[in-house]
Amino acid sequence: MLISLHKQATTTPKVRAAIQASTEPAWVVAERYGISEQTVWKWRKRDSVQDRSHTARRLQTTLTPTQEAVAVSLRK
């Protein structure tokens, strides 16, 4: 099975599942896997062990007033 992780992933799906199943305090789990407590809390809150998309959710665009007016009129 090919695992596709983003470049800076500090955990694998197997480690994430172990984090979610663990009942030990976050600091103990963090020390065991060499990660921060914040990472432990993050993976405990999630339903899945897969990476989420890293695509920007909003476009970084600036429109001129004329372009904005055209876009607004097209939406109507």
PDB file of N, CA and C in Angstrom:
ATOM      1  N   MET A   1       0.843  -1.173   0.000  1.00  0.00           N
ATOM      2  CA  MET A   1       0.000   0.000   0.000  1.00  0.00           C
ATOM      3  C   MET A   1       0.894   1.244   0.000  1.00  0.00           C
ATOM      4  N   LEU A   2       0.629   2.144  -0.897  1.00  0.00           N
ATOM      5  CA  LEU A   2       1.394   3.376  -1.017  1.00  0.00           C
ATOM      6  C   LEU A   2       0.759   4.457  -0.151  1.00  0.00           C
ATOM      7  N   ILE A   3       1.559   5.021   0.752  1.00  0.00           N
ATOM      8  CA  ILE A   3       1.074   6.085   1.623  1.00  0.00           C
ATOM      9  C   ILE A   3       1.544   7.415   1.054  1.00  0.00           C
ATOM     10  N   SER A   4       0.610   8.331   0.899  1.00  0.00           N
ATOM     11  CA  SER A   4       0.940   9.650   0.378  1.00  0.00           C
ATOM     12  C   SER A   4       0.845  10.659   1.515  1.00  0.00           C
ATOM     13  N   LEU A   5       2.007  11.104   2.004  1.00  0.00           N
ATOM     14  CA  LEU A   5       2.056  12.088   3.075  1.00  0.00           C
ATOM     15  C   LEU A   5       2.595  13.397   2.535  1.00  0.00           C
ATOM     16  N   HIS A   6       2.188  14.502   3.131  1.00  0.00           N
ATOM     17  CA  HIS A   6       2.769  15.773   2.710  1.00  0.00           C
ATOM     18  C   HIS A   6       4.211  15.834   3.210  1.00  0.00           C
ATOM     19  N   LYS A   7       4.990  16.739   2.682  1.00  0.00           N
ATOM     20  CA  LYS A   7       6.438  16.768   2.906  1.00  0.00           C
ATOM     21  C   LYS A   7       6.852  16.922   4.364  1.00  0.00           C
ATOM     22  N   GLN A   8       6.075  17.632   5.157  1.00  0.00           N
ATOM     23  CA  GLN A   8       6.478  17.890   6.532  1.00  0.00           C
ATOM     24  C   GLN A   8       5.692  17.072   7.557  1.00  0.00           C
ATOM     25  N   ALA A   9       5.102  15.971   7.139  1.00  0.00           N
ATOM     26  CA  ALA A   9       4.334  15.129   8.054  1.00  0.00           C
ATOM     27  C   ALA A   9       5.263  14.514   9.092  1.00  0.00           C
ATOM     28  N   THR A  10       4.910  14.637  10.365  1.00  0.00           N
ATOM     29  CA  THR A  10       5.729  14.056  11.428  1.00  0.00           C
ATOM     30  C   THR A  10       5.173  12.718  11.894  1.00  0.00           C
ATOM     31  N   THR A  11       4.008  12.353  11.392  1.00  0.00           N
ATOM     32  CA  THR A  11       3.389  11.094  11.789  1.00  0.00           C
ATOM     33  C   THR A  11       2.866  10.359  10.556  1.00  0.00           C
ATOM     34  N   THR A  12       2.660   9.068  10.714  1.00  0.00           N
ATOM     35  CA  THR A  12       2.073   8.235   9.666  1.00  0.00           C
ATOM     36  C   THR A  12       0.655   7.862  10.094  1.00  0.00           C
ATOM     37  N   PRO A  13      -0.159   7.338   9.190  1.00  0.00           N
ATOM     38  CA  PRO A  13      -1.508   6.921   9.594  1.00  0.00           C
ATOM     39  C   PRO A  13      -1.497   5.892  10.736  1.00  0.00           C
ATOM     40  N   LYS A  14      -0.499   5.028  10.770  1.00  0.00           N
ATOM     41  CA  LYS A  14      -0.407   4.023  11.843  1.00  0.00           C
ATOM     42  C   LYS A  14      -0.165   4.703  13.194  1.00  0.00           C
ATOM     43  N   VAL A  15       0.733   5.684  13.233  1.00  0.00           N
ATOM     44  CA  VAL A  15       1.015   6.422  14.466  1.00  0.00           C
ATOM     45  C   VAL A  15      -0.204   7.245  14.864  1.00  0.00           C
ATOM     46  N   ARG A  16      -0.876   7.850  13.896  1.00  0.00           N
ATOM     47  CA  ARG A  16      -2.071   8.653  14.179  1.00  0.00           C
ATOM     48  C   ARG A  16      -3.171   7.805  14.804  1.00  0.00           C
ATOM     49  N   ALA A  17      -3.343   6.579  14.285  1.00  0.00           N
ATOM     50  CA  ALA A  17      -4.346   5.670  14.849  1.00  0.00           C
ATOM     51  C   ALA A  17      -3.977   5.298  16.284  1.00  0.00           C
ATOM     52  N   ALA A  18      -2.687   5.102  16.543  1.00  0.00           N
ATOM     53  CA  ALA A  18      -2.237   4.788  17.900  1.00  0.00           C
ATOM     54  C   ALA A  18      -2.484   5.968  18.834  1.00  0.00           C
ATOM     55  N   ILE A  19      -2.275   7.172  18.335  1.00  0.00           N
ATOM     56  CA  ILE A  19      -2.538   8.387  19.124  1.00  0.00           C
ATOM     57  C   ILE A  19      -4.018   8.457  19.481  1.00  0.00           C
ATOM     58  N   GLN A  20      -4.879   8.193  18.508  1.00  0.00           N
ATOM     59  CA  GLN A  20      -6.324   8.271  18.744  1.00  0.00           C
ATOM     60  C   GLN A  20      -6.800   7.183  19.708  1.00  0.00           C
ATOM     61  N   ALA A  21      -6.168   6.007  19.674  1.00  0.00           N
ATOM     62  CA  ALA A  21      -6.589   4.902  20.529  1.00  0.00           C
ATOM     63  C   ALA A  21      -6.031   5.011  21.946  1.00  0.00           C
ATOM     64  N   SER A  22      -4.981   5.796  22.129  1.00  0.00           N
ATOM     65  CA  SER A  22      -4.309   5.912  23.423  1.00  0.00           C
ATOM     66  C   SER A  22      -5.159   6.670  24.431  1.00  0.00           C
ATOM     67  N   THR A  23      -5.101   6.195  25.683  1.00  0.00           N
ATOM     68  CA  THR A  23      -5.789   6.895  26.773  1.00  0.00           C
ATOM     69  C   THR A  23      -4.781   7.566  27.703  1.00  0.00           C
ATOM     70  N   GLU A  24      -3.507   7.485  27.371  1.00  0.00           N
ATOM     71  CA  GLU A  24      -2.465   8.110  28.177  1.00  0.00           C
ATOM     72  C   GLU A  24      -2.517   9.629  28.006  1.00  0.00           C
ATOM     73  N   PRO A  25      -1.932  10.353  28.954  1.00  0.00           N
ATOM     74  CA  PRO A  25      -1.883  11.816  28.815  1.00  0.00           C
ATOM     75  C   PRO A  25      -1.142  12.233  27.542  1.00  0.00           C
ATOM     76  N   ALA A  26      -1.498  13.388  27.022  1.00  0.00           N
ATOM     77  CA  ALA A  26      -0.921  13.868  25.760  1.00  0.00           C
ATOM     78  C   ALA A  26       0.594  13.991  25.840  1.00  0.00           C
ATOM     79  N   TRP A  27       1.119  14.425  26.980  1.00  0.00           N
ATOM     80  CA  TRP A  27       2.571  14.612  27.082  1.00  0.00           C
ATOM     81  C   TRP A  27       3.320  13.293  26.983  1.00  0.00           C
ATOM     82  N   VAL A  28       2.735  12.201  27.483  1.00  0.00           N
ATOM     83  CA  VAL A  28       3.381  10.887  27.406  1.00  0.00           C
ATOM     84  C   VAL A  28       3.429  10.421  25.951  1.00  0.00           C
ATOM     85  N   VAL A  29       2.311  10.567  25.260  1.00  0.00           N
ATOM     86  CA  VAL A  29       2.234  10.160  23.852  1.00  0.00           C
ATOM     87  C   VAL A  29       3.176  11.019  23.010  1.00  0.00           C
ATOM     88  N   ALA A  30       3.217  12.312  23.297  1.00  0.00           N
ATOM     89  CA  ALA A  30       4.091  13.223  22.552  1.00  0.00           C
ATOM     90  C   ALA A  30       5.557  12.826  22.712  1.00  0.00           C
ATOM     91  N   GLU A  31       5.967  12.498  23.912  1.00  0.00           N
ATOM     92  CA  GLU A  31       7.356  12.066  24.135  1.00  0.00           C
ATOM     93  C   GLU A  31       7.659  10.765  23.404  1.00  0.00           C
ATOM     94  N   ARG A  32       6.718   9.837  23.439  1.00  0.00           N
ATOM     95  CA  ARG A  32       6.929   8.533  22.802  1.00  0.00           C
ATOM     96  C   ARG A  32       7.198   8.681  21.304  1.00  0.00           C
ATOM     97  N   TYR A  33       6.432   9.532  20.627  1.00  0.00           N
ATOM     98  CA  TYR A  33       6.543   9.655  19.177  1.00  0.00           C
ATOM     99  C   TYR A  33       7.392  10.843  18.725  1.00  0.00           C
ATOM    100  N   GLY A  34       7.915  11.620  19.661  1.00  0.00           N
ATOM    101  CA  GLY A  34       8.762  12.754  19.304  1.00  0.00           C
ATOM    102  C   GLY A  34       8.013  13.867  18.609  1.00  0.00           C
ATOM    103  N   ILE A  35       6.796  14.122  19.072  1.00  0.00           N
ATOM    104  CA  ILE A  35       5.956  15.170  18.497  1.00  0.00           C
ATOM    105  C   ILE A  35       5.494  16.097  19.615  1.00  0.00           C
ATOM    106  N   SER A  36       4.826  17.171  19.258  1.00  0.00           N
ATOM    107  CA  SER A  36       4.334  18.103  20.271  1.00  0.00           C
ATOM    108  C   SER A  36       2.991  17.635  20.833  1.00  0.00           C
ATOM    109  N   GLU A  37       2.668  18.132  22.007  1.00  0.00           N
ATOM    110  CA  GLU A  37       1.363  17.817  22.598  1.00  0.00           C
ATOM    111  C   GLU A  37       0.241  18.345  21.713  1.00  0.00           C
ATOM    112  N   GLN A  38       0.480  19.483  21.077  1.00  0.00           N
ATOM    113  CA  GLN A  38      -0.527  20.068  20.188  1.00  0.00           C
ATOM    114  C   GLN A  38      -0.856  19.112  19.048  1.00  0.00           C
ATOM    115  N   THR A  39       0.144  18.417  18.529  1.00  0.00           N
ATOM    116  CA  THR A  39      -0.090  17.438  17.469  1.00  0.00           C
ATOM    117  C   THR A  39      -0.936  16.278  17.993  1.00  0.00           C
ATOM    118  N   VAL A  40      -0.661  15.847  19.207  1.00  0.00           N
ATOM    119  CA  VAL A  40      -1.456  14.771  19.816  1.00  0.00           C
ATOM    120  C   VAL A  40      -2.910  15.206  19.932  1.00  0.00           C
ATOM    121  N   TRP A  41      -3.133  16.415  20.441  1.00  0.00           N
ATOM    122  CA  TRP A  41      -4.513  16.908  20.599  1.00  0.00           C
ATOM    123  C   TRP A  41      -5.210  17.012  19.253  1.00  0.00           C
ATOM    124  N   LYS A  42      -4.473  17.472  18.239  1.00  0.00           N
ATOM    125  CA  LYS A  42      -5.057  17.617  16.900  1.00  0.00           C
ATOM    126  C   LYS A  42      -5.553  16.272  16.383  1.00  0.00           C
ATOM    127  N   TRP A  43      -4.715  15.230  16.486  1.00  0.00           N
ATOM    128  CA  TRP A  43      -5.106  13.932  15.945  1.00  0.00           C
ATOM    129  C   TRP A  43      -6.167  13.253  16.788  1.00  0.00           C
ATOM    130  N   ARG A  44      -6.235  13.565  18.057  1.00  0.00           N
ATOM    131  CA  ARG A  44      -7.300  12.988  18.894  1.00  0.00           C
ATOM    132  C   ARG A  44      -8.658  13.581  18.540  1.00  0.00           C
ATOM    133  N   LYS A  45      -8.700  14.833  18.085  1.00  0.00           N
ATOM    134  CA  LYS A  45      -9.967  15.482  17.721  1.00  0.00           C
ATOM    135  C   LYS A  45     -10.496  15.007  16.375  1.00  0.00           C
ATOM    136  N   ARG A  46      -9.620  14.539  15.497  1.00  0.00           N
ATOM    137  CA  ARG A  46     -10.046  14.187  14.138  1.00  0.00           C
ATOM    138  C   ARG A  46     -10.696  12.813  14.080  1.00  0.00           C
ATOM    139  N   ASP A  47     -11.584  12.644  13.097  1.00  0.00           N
ATOM    140  CA  ASP A  47     -12.269  11.373  12.891  1.00  0.00           C
ATOM    141  C   ASP A  47     -11.444  10.407  12.058  1.00  0.00           C
ATOM    142  N   SER A  48     -10.568  10.937  11.232  1.00  0.00           N
ATOM    143  CA  SER A  48      -9.804  10.121  10.290  1.00  0.00           C
ATOM    144  C   SER A  48      -8.316  10.264  10.580  1.00  0.00           C
ATOM    145  N   VAL A  49      -7.509   9.370  10.003  1.00  0.00           N
ATOM    146  CA  VAL A  49      -6.057   9.451  10.169  1.00  0.00           C
ATOM    147  C   VAL A  49      -5.370   9.894   8.884  1.00  0.00           C
ATOM    148  N   GLN A  50      -6.141  10.289   7.883  1.00  0.00           N
ATOM    149  CA  GLN A  50      -5.594  10.709   6.597  1.00  0.00           C
ATOM    150  C   GLN A  50      -5.309  12.207   6.593  1.00  0.00           C
ATOM    151  N   ASP A  51      -4.302  12.614   5.811  1.00  0.00           N
ATOM    152  CA  ASP A  51      -3.991  14.030   5.660  1.00  0.00           C
ATOM    153  C   ASP A  51      -5.153  14.746   4.990  1.00  0.00           C
ATOM    154  N   ARG A  52      -5.373  15.987   5.381  1.00  0.00           N
ATOM    155  CA  ARG A  52      -6.376  16.813   4.719  1.00  0.00           C
ATOM    156  C   ARG A  52      -5.721  17.572   3.575  1.00  0.00           C
ATOM    157  N   SER A  53      -6.535  18.092   2.704  1.00  0.00           N
ATOM    158  CA  SER A  53      -6.040  18.857   1.567  1.00  0.00           C
ATOM    159  C   SER A  53      -5.295  20.096   2.048  1.00  0.00           C
ATOM    160  N   HIS A  54      -4.211  20.440   1.351  1.00  0.00           N
ATOM    161  CA  HIS A  54      -3.452  21.635   1.678  1.00  0.00           C
ATOM    162  C   HIS A  54      -3.669  22.733   0.637  1.00  0.00           C
ATOM    163  N   THR A  55      -4.701  22.567  -0.171  1.00  0.00           N
ATOM    164  CA  THR A  55      -5.045  23.569  -1.168  1.00  0.00           C
ATOM    165  C   THR A  55      -5.666  24.772  -0.465  1.00  0.00           C
ATOM    166  N   ALA A  56      -5.292  25.936  -0.891  1.00  0.00           N
ATOM    167  CA  ALA A  56      -5.847  27.152  -0.304  1.00  0.00           C
ATOM    168  C   ALA A  56      -7.357  27.159  -0.470  1.00  0.00           C
ATOM    169  N   ARG A  57      -8.049  27.575   0.554  1.00  0.00           N
ATOM    170  CA  ARG A  57      -9.502  27.566   0.512  1.00  0.00           C
ATOM    171  C   ARG A  57     -10.081  28.871  -0.025  1.00  0.00           C
ATOM    172  N   ARG A  58      -9.266  29.884  -0.096  1.00  0.00           N
ATOM    173  CA  ARG A  58      -9.740  31.127  -0.693  1.00  0.00           C
ATOM    174  C   ARG A  58      -8.707  31.617  -1.694  1.00  0.00           C
ATOM    175  N   LEU A  59      -9.190  32.167  -2.739  1.00  0.00           N
ATOM    176  CA  LEU A  59      -8.304  32.637  -3.796  1.00  0.00           C
ATOM    177  C   LEU A  59      -7.614  33.925  -3.371  1.00  0.00           C
ATOM    178  N   GLN A  60      -6.350  34.030  -3.675  1.00  0.00           N
ATOM    179  CA  GLN A  60      -5.580  35.222  -3.358  1.00  0.00           C
ATOM    180  C   GLN A  60      -5.600  36.132  -4.589  1.00  0.00           C
ATOM    181  N   THR A  61      -6.733  36.754  -4.820  1.00  0.00           N
ATOM    182  CA  THR A  61      -6.889  37.581  -6.009  1.00  0.00           C
ATOM    183  C   THR A  61      -7.351  38.981  -5.628  1.00  0.00           C
ATOM    184  N   THR A  62      -6.878  39.920  -6.363  1.00  0.00           N
ATOM    185  CA  THR A  62      -7.332  41.290  -6.193  1.00  0.00           C
ATOM    186  C   THR A  62      -7.934  41.729  -7.521  1.00  0.00           C
ATOM    187  N   LEU A  63      -9.165  42.167  -7.458  1.00  0.00           N
ATOM    188  CA  LEU A  63      -9.852  42.623  -8.669  1.00  0.00           C
ATOM    189  C   LEU A  63      -9.909  44.140  -8.697  1.00  0.00           C
ATOM    190  N   THR A  64      -9.855  44.661  -9.890  1.00  0.00           N
ATOM    191  CA  THR A  64     -10.073  46.097 -10.048  1.00  0.00           C
ATOM    192  C   THR A  64     -11.568  46.343  -9.857  1.00  0.00           C
ATOM    193  N   PRO A  65     -11.966  47.571  -9.569  1.00  0.00           N
ATOM    194  CA  PRO A  65     -13.396  47.851  -9.406  1.00  0.00           C
ATOM    195  C   PRO A  65     -14.224  47.438 -10.637  1.00  0.00           C
ATOM    196  N   THR A  66     -13.662  47.606 -11.831  1.00  0.00           N
ATOM    197  CA  THR A  66     -14.371  47.220 -13.054  1.00  0.00           C
ATOM    198  C   THR A  66     -14.547  45.708 -13.112  1.00  0.00           C
ATOM    199  N   GLN A  67     -13.484  44.974 -12.815  1.00  0.00           N
ATOM    200  CA  GLN A  67     -13.552  43.505 -12.831  1.00  0.00           C
ATOM    201  C   GLN A  67     -14.533  43.007 -11.779  1.00  0.00           C
ATOM    202  N   GLU A  68     -14.541  43.641 -10.620  1.00  0.00           N
ATOM    203  CA  GLU A  68     -15.459  43.251  -9.544  1.00  0.00           C
ATOM    204  C   GLU A  68     -16.905  43.461  -9.986  1.00  0.00           C
ATOM    205  N   ALA A  69     -17.170  44.580 -10.644  1.00  0.00           N
ATOM    206  CA  ALA A  69     -18.533  44.867 -11.131  1.00  0.00           C
ATOM    207  C   ALA A  69     -18.968  43.829 -12.139  1.00  0.00           C
ATOM    208  N   VAL A  70     -18.069  43.415 -13.029  1.00  0.00           N
ATOM    209  CA  VAL A  70     -18.391  42.386 -14.026  1.00  0.00           C
ATOM    210  C   VAL A  70     -18.681  41.059 -13.319  1.00  0.00           C
ATOM    211  N   ALA A  71     -17.848  40.697 -12.350  1.00  0.00           N
ATOM    212  CA  ALA A  71     -18.054  39.439 -11.623  1.00  0.00           C
ATOM    213  C   ALA A  71     -19.385  39.425 -10.880  1.00  0.00           C
ATOM    214  N   VAL A  72     -19.712  40.539 -10.244  1.00  0.00           N
ATOM    215  CA  VAL A  72     -20.968  40.637  -9.508  1.00  0.00           C
ATOM    216  C   VAL A  72     -22.149  40.533 -10.468  1.00  0.00           C
ATOM    217  N   SER A  73     -22.060  41.191 -11.597  1.00  0.00           N
ATOM    218  CA  SER A  73     -23.169  41.152 -12.571  1.00  0.00           C
ATOM    219  C   SER A  73     -23.320  39.743 -13.148  1.00  0.00           C
ATOM    220  N   LEU A  74     -22.230  39.043 -13.348  1.00  0.00           N
ATOM    221  CA  LEU A  74     -22.308  37.665 -13.861  1.00  0.00           C
ATOM    222  C   LEU A  74     -22.924  36.708 -12.849  1.00  0.00           C
ATOM    223  N   ARG A  75     -22.698  36.962 -11.579  1.00  0.00           N
ATOM    224  CA  ARG A  75     -23.261  36.109 -10.529  1.00  0.00           C
ATOM    225  C   ARG A  75     -24.765  36.262 -10.420  1.00  0.00           C
ATOM    226  N   LYS A  76     -25.260  37.462 -10.787  1.00  0.00           N
ATOM    227  CA  LYS A  76     -26.713  37.717 -10.720  1.00  0.00           C
ATOM    228  C   LYS A  76     -27.337  37.161 -11.922  1.00  0.00           C
TER     229      LYS A  76
END
